[in-house]
Structures are given as C-alpha cells and as structure tokens.
C-alpha cells in the first residue's frame, strides 16, 4: 500500500513562465509509487481472470504440476 505521506516529497519543476512542467520524486517515493501501480495491475489481472479461476481447475484449463514439470 502506498504511504500517502511519501507524496509530500514530490517537487515540481516550473518553466520560465512559472507553469508546472515536470515532477521530481526521490527514489523512495518512486519505488513506492511503482510498487503501488504494479499492485493495481496485478489486482486488475486477477479481477479479469477471477471467473475462470472460480470455475475450477478442469474448466479453467489448469495443467497438473507433474505434467507441467515434464514440459520444462
């Protein structure tokens, strides 16, 4: 989970007219934000595939571990 306190370290870079042009993040904040986005992506994938997972191994097309191991 993203600690929103980390977002307080965000700095804006402004152009010659004083308009926000870019954002600077320290590495701790960047890594936390990246981890949060990856978690969101994972959750989205699970949500998308949940109906297939809930249908059971046979209907989902699951491969037995022994059979999968032989293919590798």
N, C-alpha and C. Protein backbone atom coordinates (compact mmCIF):
# COMPACT_ATOMS: atom_id res chain seq x y z
N UNK A 1 0.83 -1.18 0.00
CA UNK A 1 0.00 0.00 0.00
C UNK A 1 0.88 1.24 0.00
N UNK A 2 0.48 2.21 -0.74
CA UNK A 2 1.24 3.45 -0.87
C UNK A 2 1.00 4.33 0.35
N UNK A 3 2.09 4.74 0.99
CA UNK A 3 2.00 5.67 2.11
C UNK A 3 1.86 7.07 1.52
N UNK A 4 0.71 7.66 1.68
CA UNK A 4 0.45 8.97 1.07
C UNK A 4 1.36 10.06 1.61
N UNK A 5 1.97 9.85 2.76
CA UNK A 5 2.92 10.83 3.29
C UNK A 5 4.12 10.99 2.36
N UNK A 6 4.45 9.91 1.65
CA UNK A 6 5.58 9.98 0.71
C UNK A 6 5.33 10.99 -0.41
N UNK A 7 4.07 11.18 -0.75
CA UNK A 7 3.76 12.09 -1.84
C UNK A 7 4.07 13.54 -1.48
N UNK A 8 4.26 13.80 -0.21
CA UNK A 8 4.64 15.15 0.22
C UNK A 8 6.03 15.54 -0.23
N UNK A 9 6.83 14.57 -0.64
CA UNK A 9 8.19 14.87 -1.08
C UNK A 9 8.27 15.19 -2.57
N UNK A 10 7.14 15.16 -3.25
CA UNK A 10 7.13 15.47 -4.68
C UNK A 10 7.46 16.95 -4.89
N UNK A 11 8.32 17.20 -5.85
CA UNK A 11 8.68 18.58 -6.19
C UNK A 11 8.32 18.84 -7.65
N UNK A 12 7.86 20.04 -7.90
CA UNK A 12 7.50 20.43 -9.25
C UNK A 12 8.61 21.29 -9.84
N UNK A 13 8.86 21.07 -11.12
CA UNK A 13 9.80 21.90 -11.87
C UNK A 13 8.94 22.83 -12.71
N UNK A 14 9.25 24.12 -12.64
CA UNK A 14 8.46 25.09 -13.39
C UNK A 14 9.27 25.64 -14.55
N UNK A 15 8.55 26.04 -15.60
CA UNK A 15 9.21 26.64 -16.75
C UNK A 15 9.44 28.13 -16.50
N UNK A 16 9.92 28.81 -17.50
CA UNK A 16 10.22 30.24 -17.39
C UNK A 16 9.01 31.10 -17.08
N UNK A 17 7.83 30.59 -17.35
CA UNK A 17 6.60 31.34 -17.08
C UNK A 17 5.98 30.97 -15.73
N UNK A 18 6.65 30.08 -15.01
CA UNK A 18 6.14 29.67 -13.70
C UNK A 18 5.11 28.57 -13.75
N UNK A 19 4.91 27.98 -14.92
CA UNK A 19 3.95 26.88 -15.05
C UNK A 19 4.64 25.55 -14.75
N UNK A 20 3.92 24.66 -14.08
CA UNK A 20 4.48 23.35 -13.78
C UNK A 20 4.80 22.62 -15.09
N UNK A 21 6.04 22.15 -15.20
CA UNK A 21 6.48 21.49 -16.42
C UNK A 21 6.93 20.05 -16.19
N UNK A 22 7.29 19.70 -14.97
CA UNK A 22 7.78 18.35 -14.68
C UNK A 22 7.63 18.09 -13.19
N UNK A 23 7.87 16.84 -12.83
CA UNK A 23 7.77 16.41 -11.43
C UNK A 23 9.06 15.69 -11.07
N UNK A 24 9.55 15.94 -9.86
CA UNK A 24 10.70 15.22 -9.34
C UNK A 24 10.26 14.40 -8.13
N UNK A 25 10.72 13.15 -8.10
CA UNK A 25 10.43 12.26 -6.98
C UNK A 25 11.76 11.72 -6.46
N UNK A 26 11.88 11.58 -5.15
CA UNK A 26 13.06 10.89 -4.65
C UNK A 26 12.87 9.39 -4.92
N UNK A 27 13.95 8.63 -4.83
CA UNK A 27 13.88 7.20 -5.19
C UNK A 27 12.94 6.41 -4.29
N UNK A 28 12.87 6.75 -3.01
CA UNK A 28 11.98 6.04 -2.10
C UNK A 28 10.53 6.22 -2.56
N UNK A 29 10.17 7.44 -2.90
CA UNK A 29 8.81 7.71 -3.36
C UNK A 29 8.55 7.05 -4.70
N UNK A 30 9.51 7.11 -5.61
CA UNK A 30 9.36 6.49 -6.93
C UNK A 30 9.13 4.98 -6.78
N UNK A 31 9.94 4.33 -5.95
CA UNK A 31 9.80 2.88 -5.77
C UNK A 31 8.46 2.53 -5.13
N UNK A 32 8.01 3.34 -4.17
CA UNK A 32 6.71 3.10 -3.55
C UNK A 32 5.59 3.27 -4.56
N UNK A 33 5.67 4.30 -5.38
CA UNK A 33 4.65 4.55 -6.40
C UNK A 33 4.65 3.44 -7.44
N UNK A 34 5.82 3.02 -7.85
CA UNK A 34 5.93 1.93 -8.82
C UNK A 34 5.34 0.64 -8.26
N UNK A 35 5.64 0.33 -7.01
CA UNK A 35 5.08 -0.86 -6.37
C UNK A 35 3.56 -0.79 -6.29
N UNK A 36 3.05 0.39 -5.97
CA UNK A 36 1.60 0.58 -5.89
C UNK A 36 0.95 0.35 -7.26
N UNK A 37 1.55 0.89 -8.31
CA UNK A 37 1.00 0.70 -9.66
C UNK A 37 1.07 -0.76 -10.09
N UNK A 38 2.14 -1.45 -9.72
CA UNK A 38 2.25 -2.87 -10.05
C UNK A 38 1.18 -3.68 -9.31
N UNK A 39 0.91 -3.33 -8.06
CA UNK A 39 -0.15 -4.00 -7.30
C UNK A 39 -1.51 -3.77 -7.95
N UNK A 40 -1.76 -2.55 -8.41
CA UNK A 40 -3.02 -2.26 -9.10
C UNK A 40 -3.16 -3.09 -10.37
N UNK A 41 -2.05 -3.22 -11.10
CA UNK A 41 -2.06 -4.02 -12.32
C UNK A 41 -2.36 -5.49 -11.99
N UNK A 42 -1.73 -6.01 -10.94
CA UNK A 42 -1.96 -7.40 -10.53
C UNK A 42 -3.42 -7.61 -10.13
N UNK A 43 -3.97 -6.68 -9.35
CA UNK A 43 -5.36 -6.79 -8.92
C UNK A 43 -6.31 -6.78 -10.12
N UNK A 44 -6.00 -5.94 -11.09
CA UNK A 44 -6.83 -5.86 -12.28
C UNK A 44 -6.81 -7.18 -13.05
N UNK A 45 -5.63 -7.78 -13.14
CA UNK A 45 -5.50 -9.06 -13.85
C UNK A 45 -6.27 -10.16 -13.13
N UNK A 46 -6.15 -10.20 -11.81
CA UNK A 46 -6.88 -11.22 -11.04
C UNK A 46 -8.38 -11.01 -11.20
N UNK A 47 -8.83 -9.76 -11.12
CA UNK A 47 -10.26 -9.47 -11.27
C UNK A 47 -10.76 -9.91 -12.64
N UNK A 48 -9.94 -9.68 -13.66
CA UNK A 48 -10.30 -10.06 -15.03
C UNK A 48 -10.41 -11.57 -15.19
N UNK A 49 -9.56 -12.32 -14.49
CA UNK A 49 -9.49 -13.78 -14.64
C UNK A 49 -10.22 -14.53 -13.55
N UNK A 50 -10.81 -13.82 -12.59
CA UNK A 50 -11.43 -14.47 -11.44
C UNK A 50 -12.51 -15.46 -11.84
N UNK A 51 -13.34 -15.12 -12.81
CA UNK A 51 -14.41 -16.05 -13.23
C UNK A 51 -13.83 -17.37 -13.71
N UNK A 52 -12.69 -17.30 -14.40
CA UNK A 52 -12.04 -18.51 -14.89
C UNK A 52 -11.48 -19.31 -13.73
N UNK A 53 -10.87 -18.64 -12.78
CA UNK A 53 -10.30 -19.33 -11.62
C UNK A 53 -11.38 -20.00 -10.78
N UNK A 54 -12.52 -19.34 -10.65
CA UNK A 54 -13.60 -19.87 -9.83
C UNK A 54 -14.33 -21.03 -10.50
N UNK A 55 -14.12 -21.22 -11.79
CA UNK A 55 -14.79 -22.31 -12.50
C UNK A 55 -14.19 -23.67 -12.18
N UNK A 56 -13.04 -23.68 -11.52
CA UNK A 56 -12.40 -24.94 -11.14
C UNK A 56 -11.26 -25.28 -12.07
N UNK A 57 -10.38 -26.15 -11.64
CA UNK A 57 -9.17 -26.47 -12.41
C UNK A 57 -9.44 -27.04 -13.80
N UNK A 58 -10.41 -27.95 -13.89
CA UNK A 58 -10.67 -28.59 -15.18
C UNK A 58 -11.19 -27.58 -16.20
N UNK A 59 -12.22 -26.82 -15.81
CA UNK A 59 -12.80 -25.85 -16.73
C UNK A 59 -11.85 -24.70 -17.03
N UNK A 60 -10.97 -24.37 -16.08
CA UNK A 60 -10.03 -23.27 -16.27
C UNK A 60 -8.87 -23.68 -17.18
N UNK A 61 -8.74 -24.98 -17.44
CA UNK A 61 -7.66 -25.45 -18.29
C UNK A 61 -6.34 -25.59 -17.54
N UNK A 62 -6.43 -25.81 -16.24
CA UNK A 62 -5.21 -25.95 -15.43
C UNK A 62 -4.46 -27.21 -15.85
N UNK A 63 -3.15 -27.14 -15.74
CA UNK A 63 -2.28 -28.27 -16.05
C UNK A 63 -1.74 -28.80 -14.73
N UNK A 64 -1.76 -30.11 -14.58
CA UNK A 64 -1.23 -30.73 -13.37
C UNK A 64 0.26 -30.40 -13.21
N UNK A 65 0.69 -30.23 -11.98
CA UNK A 65 2.07 -29.85 -11.72
C UNK A 65 3.06 -30.85 -12.32
N UNK A 66 2.77 -32.13 -12.20
CA UNK A 66 3.66 -33.15 -12.76
C UNK A 66 3.78 -33.01 -14.27
N UNK A 67 2.66 -32.76 -14.93
CA UNK A 67 2.68 -32.61 -16.39
C UNK A 67 3.43 -31.35 -16.80
N UNK A 68 3.24 -30.28 -16.05
CA UNK A 68 3.93 -29.02 -16.36
C UNK A 68 5.44 -29.18 -16.16
N UNK A 69 5.81 -29.88 -15.10
CA UNK A 69 7.23 -30.10 -14.82
C UNK A 69 7.92 -30.87 -15.92
N UNK A 70 7.23 -31.81 -16.55
CA UNK A 70 7.82 -32.59 -17.63
C UNK A 70 8.06 -31.76 -18.88
N UNK A 71 7.24 -30.72 -19.08
CA UNK A 71 7.40 -29.85 -20.24
C UNK A 71 8.62 -28.95 -20.11
N UNK A 72 9.04 -28.69 -18.88
CA UNK A 72 10.19 -27.79 -18.65
C UNK A 72 11.43 -28.61 -18.59
